[in-house]
Amino acid sequence: MARTVKDCQADIAEYEKSLAELQAILDTMRDSIKVNPDNIAEFQPLIDLTEPRHKEDEAKLAGLIKELAVLQA
């Protein structure tokens, strides 16, 4: 079944929400490290795991935005 504009828009909304949540998590961990550098041992491994997921989701979102443009054309 072919994807529709509505399908693509729903996927975009989902990725935007996920990215916002991941960014908030990353910001919180980085802020915690700034406030108390002793937290680096706890949070840096989590940051290292979260950043690649965030970048992957950004790439997927960019692809979806391009797909949406094609569908709308």
N, C-alpha and C. Protein backbone atom coordinates (compact mmCIF):
# COMPACT_ATOMS: atom_id res chain seq x y z
N MET A 1 0.84 -1.19 0.00
CA MET A 1 0.00 0.00 0.00
C MET A 1 0.88 1.24 0.00
N ALA A 2 0.56 2.18 -0.83
CA ALA A 2 1.36 3.40 -0.96
C ALA A 2 1.13 4.30 0.26
N ARG A 3 2.21 4.97 0.63
CA ARG A 3 2.11 5.91 1.75
C ARG A 3 1.37 7.17 1.30
N THR A 4 0.65 7.72 2.23
CA THR A 4 -0.10 8.94 1.94
C THR A 4 0.55 10.12 2.66
N VAL A 5 0.11 11.31 2.28
CA VAL A 5 0.58 12.52 2.95
C VAL A 5 0.27 12.43 4.45
N LYS A 6 -0.92 11.94 4.77
CA LYS A 6 -1.34 11.82 6.17
C LYS A 6 -0.42 10.87 6.94
N ASP A 7 -0.06 9.73 6.33
CA ASP A 7 0.86 8.79 6.96
C ASP A 7 2.21 9.45 7.25
N CYS A 8 2.69 10.15 6.25
CA CYS A 8 3.99 10.80 6.38
C CYS A 8 3.95 11.89 7.46
N GLN A 9 2.88 12.66 7.48
CA GLN A 9 2.75 13.71 8.49
C GLN A 9 2.68 13.11 9.90
N ALA A 10 2.02 11.98 10.04
CA ALA A 10 1.94 11.31 11.34
C ALA A 10 3.32 10.83 11.78
N ASP A 11 4.08 10.27 10.84
CA ASP A 11 5.44 9.82 11.16
C ASP A 11 6.33 10.99 11.54
N ILE A 12 6.19 12.09 10.83
CA ILE A 12 6.98 13.29 11.14
C ILE A 12 6.66 13.77 12.55
N ALA A 13 5.39 13.83 12.88
CA ALA A 13 4.99 14.27 14.23
C ALA A 13 5.57 13.36 15.29
N GLU A 14 5.57 12.06 15.02
CA GLU A 14 6.11 11.09 15.98
C GLU A 14 7.62 11.30 16.18
N TYR A 15 8.34 11.48 15.08
CA TYR A 15 9.79 11.70 15.18
C TYR A 15 10.11 13.04 15.84
N GLU A 16 9.32 14.07 15.55
CA GLU A 16 9.55 15.36 16.20
C GLU A 16 9.36 15.25 17.71
N LYS A 17 8.35 14.51 18.12
CA LYS A 17 8.11 14.32 19.55
C LYS A 17 9.26 13.54 20.18
N SER A 18 9.68 12.48 19.53
CA SER A 18 10.79 11.66 20.03
C SER A 18 12.07 12.48 20.14
N LEU A 19 12.34 13.28 19.11
CA LEU A 19 13.55 14.11 19.13
C LEU A 19 13.50 15.14 20.26
N ALA A 20 12.35 15.72 20.47
CA ALA A 20 12.21 16.70 21.56
C ALA A 20 12.47 16.04 22.91
N GLU A 21 11.95 14.83 23.09
CA GLU A 21 12.15 14.11 24.35
C GLU A 21 13.62 13.74 24.54
N LEU A 22 14.25 13.23 23.48
CA LEU A 22 15.66 12.88 23.57
C LEU A 22 16.52 14.11 23.84
N GLN A 23 16.19 15.23 23.19
CA GLN A 23 16.95 16.45 23.42
C GLN A 23 16.80 16.92 24.85
N ALA A 24 15.61 16.82 25.40
CA ALA A 24 15.39 17.22 26.79
C ALA A 24 16.21 16.35 27.74
N ILE A 25 16.27 15.06 27.45
CA ILE A 25 17.06 14.14 28.28
C ILE A 25 18.54 14.51 28.19
N LEU A 26 19.03 14.72 26.98
CA LEU A 26 20.44 15.09 26.80
C LEU A 26 20.75 16.40 27.52
N ASP A 27 19.87 17.38 27.37
CA ASP A 27 20.09 18.68 28.02
C ASP A 27 20.13 18.54 29.53
N THR A 28 19.25 17.73 30.09
CA THR A 28 19.21 17.52 31.54
C THR A 28 20.51 16.88 32.03
N MET A 29 20.96 15.87 31.31
CA MET A 29 22.20 15.20 31.72
C MET A 29 23.40 16.14 31.60
N ARG A 30 23.46 16.90 30.51
CA ARG A 30 24.58 17.83 30.34
C ARG A 30 24.55 18.93 31.40
N ASP A 31 23.36 19.42 31.71
CA ASP A 31 23.23 20.45 32.75
C ASP A 31 23.66 19.90 34.10
N SER A 32 23.31 18.66 34.37
CA SER A 32 23.69 18.03 35.64
C SER A 32 25.21 17.94 35.75
N ILE A 33 25.86 17.62 34.64
CA ILE A 33 27.32 17.54 34.64
C ILE A 33 27.94 18.92 34.85
N LYS A 34 27.33 19.95 34.24
CA LYS A 34 27.85 21.31 34.41
C LYS A 34 27.74 21.76 35.87
N VAL A 35 26.60 21.45 36.49
CA VAL A 35 26.37 21.84 37.87
C VAL A 35 27.28 21.06 38.81
N ASN A 36 27.43 19.78 38.54
CA ASN A 36 28.26 18.93 39.39
C ASN A 36 29.10 18.00 38.50
N PRO A 37 30.33 18.39 38.20
CA PRO A 37 31.18 17.58 37.33
C PRO A 37 31.38 16.14 37.81
N ASP A 38 31.14 15.87 39.08
CA ASP A 38 31.24 14.50 39.57
C ASP A 38 30.20 13.58 38.93
N ASN A 39 29.15 14.17 38.35
CA ASN A 39 28.10 13.38 37.70
C ASN A 39 28.52 12.81 36.35
N ILE A 40 29.69 13.20 35.87
CA ILE A 40 30.10 12.76 34.53
C ILE A 40 30.20 11.24 34.44
N ALA A 41 30.66 10.60 35.48
CA ALA A 41 30.79 9.14 35.46
C ALA A 41 29.42 8.46 35.31
N GLU A 42 28.41 9.08 35.86
CA GLU A 42 27.07 8.52 35.78
C GLU A 42 26.39 8.84 34.44
N PHE A 43 26.53 10.07 33.99
CA PHE A 43 25.76 10.51 32.84
C PHE A 43 26.46 10.38 31.49
N GLN A 44 27.77 10.44 31.43
CA GLN A 44 28.44 10.40 30.14
C GLN A 44 28.15 9.11 29.36
N PRO A 45 28.15 7.95 30.02
CA PRO A 45 27.80 6.74 29.25
C PRO A 45 26.38 6.80 28.67
N LEU A 46 25.47 7.41 29.42
CA LEU A 46 24.09 7.55 28.93
C LEU A 46 24.03 8.54 27.77
N ILE A 47 24.78 9.61 27.88
CA ILE A 47 24.86 10.57 26.78
C ILE A 47 25.42 9.89 25.54
N ASP A 48 26.46 9.10 25.73
CA ASP A 48 27.09 8.40 24.60
C ASP A 48 26.12 7.42 23.93
N LEU A 49 25.20 6.88 24.66
CA LEU A 49 24.19 5.99 24.08
C LEU A 49 23.05 6.75 23.43
N THR A 50 22.70 7.90 23.99
CA THR A 50 21.55 8.67 23.52
C THR A 50 21.87 9.50 22.28
N GLU A 51 23.06 10.07 22.20
CA GLU A 51 23.40 10.94 21.07
C GLU A 51 23.28 10.24 19.71
N PRO A 52 23.79 9.01 19.55
CA PRO A 52 23.64 8.37 18.24
C PRO A 52 22.17 8.14 17.86
N ARG A 53 21.36 7.78 18.83
CA ARG A 53 19.92 7.60 18.57
C ARG A 53 19.29 8.91 18.12
N HIS A 54 19.68 10.00 18.77
CA HIS A 54 19.17 11.32 18.41
C HIS A 54 19.57 11.67 16.97
N LYS A 55 20.82 11.41 16.62
CA LYS A 55 21.29 11.70 15.27
C LYS A 55 20.58 10.84 14.23
N GLU A 56 20.36 9.57 14.55
CA GLU A 56 19.63 8.67 13.64
C GLU A 56 18.21 9.18 13.43
N ASP A 57 17.57 9.59 14.50
CA ASP A 57 16.20 10.09 14.39
C ASP A 57 16.16 11.40 13.59
N GLU A 58 17.17 12.25 13.75
CA GLU A 58 17.24 13.47 12.95
C GLU A 58 17.34 13.14 11.46
N ALA A 59 18.15 12.16 11.13
CA ALA A 59 18.31 11.75 9.74
C ALA A 59 17.00 11.17 9.19
N LYS A 60 16.33 10.34 9.99
CA LYS A 60 15.06 9.77 9.56
C LYS A 60 14.02 10.87 9.36
N LEU A 61 14.00 11.85 10.26
CA LEU A 61 13.06 12.95 10.14
C LEU A 61 13.34 13.74 8.85
N ALA A 62 14.59 14.00 8.56
CA ALA A 62 14.94 14.72 7.33
C ALA A 62 14.44 13.95 6.11
N GLY A 63 14.60 12.63 6.14
CA GLY A 63 14.10 11.81 5.03
C GLY A 63 12.59 11.87 4.91
N LEU A 64 11.91 11.87 6.04
CA LEU A 64 10.45 11.96 6.02
C LEU A 64 9.98 13.31 5.49
N ILE A 65 10.69 14.36 5.83
CA ILE A 65 10.32 15.69 5.35
C ILE A 65 10.48 15.75 3.83
N LYS A 66 11.55 15.15 3.32
CA LYS A 66 11.74 15.09 1.87
C LYS A 66 10.62 14.26 1.22
N GLU A 67 10.31 13.12 1.85
CA GLU A 67 9.23 12.26 1.33
C GLU A 67 7.92 13.02 1.28
N LEU A 68 7.63 13.78 2.33
CA LEU A 68 6.40 14.55 2.38
C LEU A 68 6.36 15.57 1.24
N ALA A 69 7.48 16.22 1.00
CA ALA A 69 7.53 17.21 -0.09
C ALA A 69 7.21 16.55 -1.43
N VAL A 70 7.73 15.36 -1.64
CA VAL A 70 7.47 14.63 -2.89
C VAL A 70 5.98 14.24 -2.97
N LEU A 71 5.44 13.76 -1.87
CA LEU A 71 4.03 13.37 -1.86
C LEU A 71 3.11 14.56 -2.11
N GLN A 72 3.51 15.72 -1.59
CA GLN A 72 2.66 16.90 -1.75
C GLN A 72 2.79 17.53 -3.13
N ALA A 73 3.85 17.18 -3.85
CA ALA A 73 4.07 17.77 -5.19
C ALA A 73 3.11 17.20 -6.21
